[in-house]
Amino acid sequence: MTKPFEKIAAGLTDAIAYAEGNTTKARAATRPDVKPIRAKTKLTQPNTPPC
């Protein structure tokens, strides 16, 4: 098989394992706590209604 296909297949295998609870190969993205960042940089986000 081709190298790109092997990479895609490996990624899908890892995704399935993660969905089944195996987190040994996975990294989950987390959002940073923006409140202290905004306080430190003195930046705010305008209060706008959600789209």
C-alpha atoms as a PDB file:
ATOM      1  CA  MET A   1       0.000   0.000   0.000  1.00  0.00           C
ATOM      2  CA  THR A   2       0.983   3.592  -0.395  1.00  0.00           C
ATOM      3  CA  LYS A   3       2.611   5.567   2.366  1.00  0.00           C
ATOM      4  CA  PRO A   4      -0.208   8.169   2.615  1.00  0.00           C
ATOM      5  CA  PHE A   5      -2.764   5.379   2.939  1.00  0.00           C
ATOM      6  CA  GLU A   6      -0.725   3.737   5.690  1.00  0.00           C
ATOM      7  CA  LYS A   7      -0.598   7.019   7.632  1.00  0.00           C
ATOM      8  CA  ILE A   8      -4.351   7.524   7.285  1.00  0.00           C
ATOM      9  CA  ALA A   9      -5.047   3.924   8.305  1.00  0.00           C
ATOM     10  CA  ALA A  10      -2.772   4.281  11.350  1.00  0.00           C
ATOM     11  CA  GLY A  11      -4.548   7.465  12.374  1.00  0.00           C
ATOM     12  CA  LEU A  12      -7.948   5.833  12.043  1.00  0.00           C
ATOM     13  CA  THR A  13      -6.761   2.867  14.087  1.00  0.00           C
ATOM     14  CA  ASP A  14      -5.562   5.221  16.821  1.00  0.00           C
ATOM     15  CA  ALA A  15      -8.867   7.139  16.713  1.00  0.00           C
ATOM     16  CA  ILE A  16     -10.857   3.936  17.129  1.00  0.00           C
ATOM     17  CA  ALA A  17      -8.644   2.844  20.030  1.00  0.00           C
ATOM     18  CA  TYR A  18      -9.126   6.250  21.691  1.00  0.00           C
ATOM     19  CA  ALA A  19     -12.899   6.036  21.250  1.00  0.00           C
ATOM     20  CA  GLU A  20     -12.809   2.631  22.933  1.00  0.00           C
ATOM     21  CA  GLY A  21     -10.930   4.062  25.917  1.00  0.00           C
ATOM     22  CA  ASN A  22      -7.291   3.330  25.074  1.00  0.00           C
ATOM     23  CA  THR A  23      -5.540   6.664  25.633  1.00  0.00           C
ATOM     24  CA  THR A  24      -1.920   5.490  25.545  1.00  0.00           C
ATOM     25  CA  LYS A  25      -1.189   6.911  22.067  1.00  0.00           C
ATOM     26  CA  ALA A  26      -3.559   9.859  22.091  1.00  0.00           C
ATOM     27  CA  ARG A  27      -3.328  13.477  23.136  1.00  0.00           C
ATOM     28  CA  ALA A  28      -6.532  15.322  23.869  1.00  0.00           C
ATOM     29  CA  ALA A  29      -6.586  19.025  23.172  1.00  0.00           C
ATOM     30  CA  THR A  30      -7.682  21.170  26.075  1.00  0.00           C
ATOM     31  CA  ARG A  31      -8.622  24.815  26.125  1.00  0.00           C
ATOM     32  CA  PRO A  32      -6.566  27.147  28.290  1.00  0.00           C
ATOM     33  CA  ASP A  33      -8.222  29.123  31.063  1.00  0.00           C
ATOM     34  CA  VAL A  34      -8.432  32.513  29.366  1.00  0.00           C
ATOM     35  CA  LYS A  35      -9.552  34.552  32.367  1.00  0.00           C
ATOM     36  CA  PRO A  36      -6.052  34.953  33.879  1.00  0.00           C
ATOM     37  CA  ILE A  37      -4.579  35.571  30.412  1.00  0.00           C
ATOM     38  CA  ARG A  38      -7.066  38.353  29.731  1.00  0.00           C
ATOM     39  CA  ALA A  39      -6.445  39.848  33.172  1.00  0.00           C
ATOM     40  CA  LYS A  40      -2.676  39.815  32.665  1.00  0.00           C
ATOM     41  CA  THR A  41      -2.813  41.300  29.160  1.00  0.00           C
ATOM     42  CA  LYS A  42      -5.687  43.647  30.046  1.00  0.00           C
ATOM     43  CA  LEU A  43      -7.642  42.498  27.005  1.00  0.00           C
ATOM     44  CA  THR A  44     -11.342  41.801  26.963  1.00  0.00           C
ATOM     45  CA  GLN A  45     -13.768  40.099  24.661  1.00  0.00           C
ATOM     46  CA  PRO A  46     -16.771  42.200  23.667  1.00  0.00           C
ATOM     47  CA  ASN A  47     -20.140  40.937  24.800  1.00  0.00           C
ATOM     48  CA  THR A  48     -21.705  39.887  21.541  1.00  0.00           C
ATOM     49  CA  PRO A  49     -24.669  37.574  21.084  1.00  0.00           C
ATOM     50  CA  PRO A  50     -23.835  34.098  19.784  1.00  0.00           C
ATOM     51  CA  CYS A  51     -24.351  33.546  16.076  1.00  0.00           C
END
